Amino acid sequence: MDYREAFNQTLEKFNISARSLALKSGVQERQISHFRKGKDLMAETLFALVTALPSEAKIYYFSCIGGESALETIDLRLLVKSMPIARKYEVLSLIAASLMESRENTDKSELMPAAS
């Protein structure tokens, strides 16, 4: 998928308006609109837009451009080593919460009677 299509899809998926992105990025709303309709942007402008996206939207955007395999090539050890300690605690908390949620969902599904 090309970068413009990925950008449009990201804004739609995460319900991000051009107005809110303009406020966060410093890029004029009409520039965003023109870009979404096919006009090119300077690389630094696109960088400002992508930088202003929420983290989940950035990940989604780059996975659209690079495909799902782009996320698989990230060296997690290097990524974790480069994080400040507060970010490591945040990631660890997120992993623990996700594991607990998975466990709760598994426990509930085991209690459900099997369909006949």
C-alpha atoms as a PDB file:
ATOM      1  CA  MET A   1       0.000   0.000   0.000  1.00  0.00           C
ATOM      2  CA  ASP A   2       1.359   3.453  -0.800  1.00  0.00           C
ATOM      3  CA  TYR A   3       2.006   6.069   1.878  1.00  0.00           C
ATOM      4  CA  ARG A   4      -1.010   8.267   0.997  1.00  0.00           C
ATOM      5  CA  GLU A   5      -3.461   5.375   1.030  1.00  0.00           C
ATOM      6  CA  ALA A   6      -1.950   4.153   4.306  1.00  0.00           C
ATOM      7  CA  PHE A   7      -2.306   7.666   5.759  1.00  0.00           C
ATOM      8  CA  ASN A   8      -5.963   7.925   4.751  1.00  0.00           C
ATOM      9  CA  GLN A   9      -6.723   4.460   6.064  1.00  0.00           C
ATOM     10  CA  THR A  10      -4.983   5.257   9.362  1.00  0.00           C
ATOM     11  CA  LEU A  11      -6.965   8.456   9.899  1.00  0.00           C
ATOM     12  CA  GLU A  12     -10.200   6.634   9.145  1.00  0.00           C
ATOM     13  CA  LYS A  13      -9.421   3.620  11.345  1.00  0.00           C
ATOM     14  CA  PHE A  14      -8.464   5.756  14.335  1.00  0.00           C
ATOM     15  CA  ASN A  15     -11.130   8.404  13.688  1.00  0.00           C
ATOM     16  CA  ILE A  16      -8.563  11.207  13.475  1.00  0.00           C
ATOM     17  CA  SER A  17      -9.783  14.446  11.945  1.00  0.00           C
ATOM     18  CA  ALA A  18      -7.639  16.696   9.788  1.00  0.00           C
ATOM     19  CA  ARG A  19      -8.411  19.514  12.221  1.00  0.00           C
ATOM     20  CA  SER A  20      -7.095  17.676  15.287  1.00  0.00           C
ATOM     21  CA  LEU A  21      -4.031  16.483  13.378  1.00  0.00           C
ATOM     22  CA  ALA A  22      -3.381  20.029  12.141  1.00  0.00           C
ATOM     23  CA  LEU A  23      -3.425  21.304  15.716  1.00  0.00           C
ATOM     24  CA  LYS A  24      -0.999  18.630  16.909  1.00  0.00           C
ATOM     25  CA  SER A  25       1.360  18.717  13.928  1.00  0.00           C
ATOM     26  CA  GLY A  26       1.431  22.395  13.014  1.00  0.00           C
ATOM     27  CA  VAL A  27       0.534  21.478   9.417  1.00  0.00           C
ATOM     28  CA  GLN A  28      -2.328  23.461   7.931  1.00  0.00           C
ATOM     29  CA  GLU A  29      -5.613  21.610   7.688  1.00  0.00           C
ATOM     30  CA  ARG A  30      -5.940  22.422   4.002  1.00  0.00           C
ATOM     31  CA  GLN A  31      -2.501  20.894   3.323  1.00  0.00           C
ATOM     32  CA  ILE A  32      -3.691  17.697   4.968  1.00  0.00           C
ATOM     33  CA  SER A  33      -6.859  17.761   2.882  1.00  0.00           C
ATOM     34  CA  HIS A  34      -4.913  18.342  -0.342  1.00  0.00           C
ATOM     35  CA  PHE A  35      -2.534  15.500   0.533  1.00  0.00           C
ATOM     36  CA  ARG A  36      -5.419  13.124   1.206  1.00  0.00           C
ATOM     37  CA  LYS A  37      -6.842  13.997  -2.216  1.00  0.00           C
ATOM     38  CA  GLY A  38      -3.613  13.360  -4.111  1.00  0.00           C
ATOM     39  CA  LYS A  39      -1.305  16.376  -3.830  1.00  0.00           C
ATOM     40  CA  ASP A  40       2.246  15.611  -2.738  1.00  0.00           C
ATOM     41  CA  LEU A  41       3.801  16.850   0.488  1.00  0.00           C
ATOM     42  CA  MET A  42       7.359  17.659   1.370  1.00  0.00           C
ATOM     43  CA  ALA A  43       8.971  14.854   3.362  1.00  0.00           C
ATOM     44  CA  GLU A  44       9.315  17.041   6.454  1.00  0.00           C
ATOM     45  CA  THR A  45       5.575  17.809   6.357  1.00  0.00           C
ATOM     46  CA  LEU A  46       4.666  14.139   6.129  1.00  0.00           C
ATOM     47  CA  PHE A  47       7.102  13.458   8.966  1.00  0.00           C
ATOM     48  CA  ALA A  48       5.364  16.111  11.105  1.00  0.00           C
ATOM     49  CA  LEU A  49       1.979  14.519  10.394  1.00  0.00           C
ATOM     50  CA  VAL A  50       3.100  10.997  11.203  1.00  0.00           C
ATOM     51  CA  THR A  51       4.918  12.186  14.331  1.00  0.00           C
ATOM     52  CA  ALA A  52       1.686  13.802  15.571  1.00  0.00           C
ATOM     53  CA  LEU A  53      -0.268  10.537  15.297  1.00  0.00           C
ATOM     54  CA  PRO A  54      -1.005   8.569  18.465  1.00  0.00           C
ATOM     55  CA  SER A  55       1.392   5.651  19.006  1.00  0.00           C
ATOM     56  CA  GLU A  56      -1.091   2.984  17.942  1.00  0.00           C
ATOM     57  CA  ALA A  57      -1.877   4.899  14.766  1.00  0.00           C
ATOM     58  CA  LYS A  58       1.836   5.266  13.937  1.00  0.00           C
ATOM     59  CA  ILE A  59       2.354   1.536  14.302  1.00  0.00           C
ATOM     60  CA  TYR A  60      -0.673   0.865  12.137  1.00  0.00           C
ATOM     61  CA  TYR A  61       0.508   3.380   9.500  1.00  0.00           C
ATOM     62  CA  PHE A  62       3.960   1.834   9.214  1.00  0.00           C
ATOM     63  CA  SER A  63       2.565  -1.686   9.164  1.00  0.00           C
ATOM     64  CA  CYS A  64       0.311  -0.653   6.249  1.00  0.00           C
ATOM     65  CA  ILE A  65       3.304   0.661   4.328  1.00  0.00           C
ATOM     66  CA  GLY A  66       5.718  -2.156   5.159  1.00  0.00           C
ATOM     67  CA  GLY A  67       3.253  -4.968   5.539  1.00  0.00           C
ATOM     68  CA  GLU A  68       2.790  -7.042   8.671  1.00  0.00           C
ATOM     69  CA  SER A  69       6.304  -8.400   8.329  1.00  0.00           C
ATOM     70  CA  ALA A  70       7.664  -4.910   9.047  1.00  0.00           C
ATOM     71  CA  LEU A  71       6.647  -5.323  12.689  1.00  0.00           C
ATOM     72  CA  GLU A  72       8.219  -8.761  12.873  1.00  0.00           C
ATOM     73  CA  THR A  73      11.663  -7.395  11.972  1.00  0.00           C
ATOM     74  CA  ILE A  74      11.894  -5.181  15.059  1.00  0.00           C
ATOM     75  CA  ASP A  75      14.656  -6.333  17.390  1.00  0.00           C
ATOM     76  CA  LEU A  76      12.758  -6.341  20.682  1.00  0.00           C
ATOM     77  CA  ARG A  77      15.907  -6.701  22.800  1.00  0.00           C
ATOM     78  CA  LEU A  78      17.457  -3.626  21.242  1.00  0.00           C
ATOM     79  CA  LEU A  79      14.183  -1.741  21.534  1.00  0.00           C
ATOM     80  CA  VAL A  80      13.802  -2.572  25.232  1.00  0.00           C
ATOM     81  CA  LYS A  81      17.454  -1.768  25.989  1.00  0.00           C
ATOM     82  CA  SER A  82      17.057   1.668  24.429  1.00  0.00           C
ATOM     83  CA  MET A  83      13.954   2.559  26.483  1.00  0.00           C
ATOM     84  CA  PRO A  84      14.076   4.776  29.548  1.00  0.00           C
ATOM     85  CA  ILE A  85      13.226   2.892  32.751  1.00  0.00           C
ATOM     86  CA  ALA A  86       9.764   4.489  33.047  1.00  0.00           C
ATOM     87  CA  ARG A  87       8.873   3.240  29.563  1.00  0.00           C
ATOM     88  CA  LYS A  88      10.064  -0.274  30.483  1.00  0.00           C
ATOM     89  CA  TYR A  89       7.715  -0.266  33.484  1.00  0.00           C
ATOM     90  CA  GLU A  90       4.890   0.883  31.226  1.00  0.00           C
ATOM     91  CA  VAL A  91       5.564  -1.900  28.707  1.00  0.00           C
ATOM     92  CA  LEU A  92       5.815  -4.491  31.474  1.00  0.00           C
ATOM     93  CA  SER A  93       2.470  -3.324  32.912  1.00  0.00           C
ATOM     94  CA  LEU A  94       0.849  -3.537  29.493  1.00  0.00           C
ATOM     95  CA  ILE A  95       2.141  -7.060  28.969  1.00  0.00           C
ATOM     96  CA  ALA A  96       0.925  -8.138  32.414  1.00  0.00           C
ATOM     97  CA  ALA A  97      -2.523  -6.639  31.786  1.00  0.00           C
ATOM     98  CA  SER A  98      -2.726  -8.349  28.402  1.00  0.00           C
ATOM     99  CA  LEU A  99      -1.758 -11.701  29.914  1.00  0.00           C
ATOM    100  CA  MET A 100      -4.342 -11.308  32.674  1.00  0.00           C
ATOM    101  CA  GLU A 101      -7.015 -10.429  30.119  1.00  0.00           C
ATOM    102  CA  SER A 102      -6.090 -13.459  28.012  1.00  0.00           C
ATOM    103  CA  ARG A 103      -6.216 -15.669  31.096  1.00  0.00           C
ATOM    104  CA  GLU A 104      -9.636 -14.316  32.096  1.00  0.00           C
ATOM    105  CA  ASN A 105     -10.985 -14.898  28.590  1.00  0.00           C
ATOM    106  CA  THR A 106      -9.565 -18.425  28.540  1.00  0.00           C
ATOM    107  CA  ASP A 107     -11.007 -19.237  31.958  1.00  0.00           C
ATOM    108  CA  LYS A 108     -14.454 -17.999  30.865  1.00  0.00           C
ATOM    109  CA  SER A 109     -14.380 -19.975  27.627  1.00  0.00           C
ATOM    110  CA  GLU A 110     -13.505 -23.162  29.513  1.00  0.00           C
ATOM    111  CA  LEU A 111     -16.592 -22.684  31.686  1.00  0.00           C
ATOM    112  CA  MET A 112     -18.905 -22.323  28.691  1.00  0.00           C
ATOM    113  CA  PRO A 113     -20.775 -25.535  27.806  1.00  0.00           C
ATOM    114  CA  ALA A 114     -19.743 -27.081  24.527  1.00  0.00           C
ATOM    115  CA  ALA A 115     -22.178 -26.643  21.641  1.00  0.00           C
ATOM    116  CA  SER A 116     -23.982 -29.867  20.745  1.00  0.00           C
END
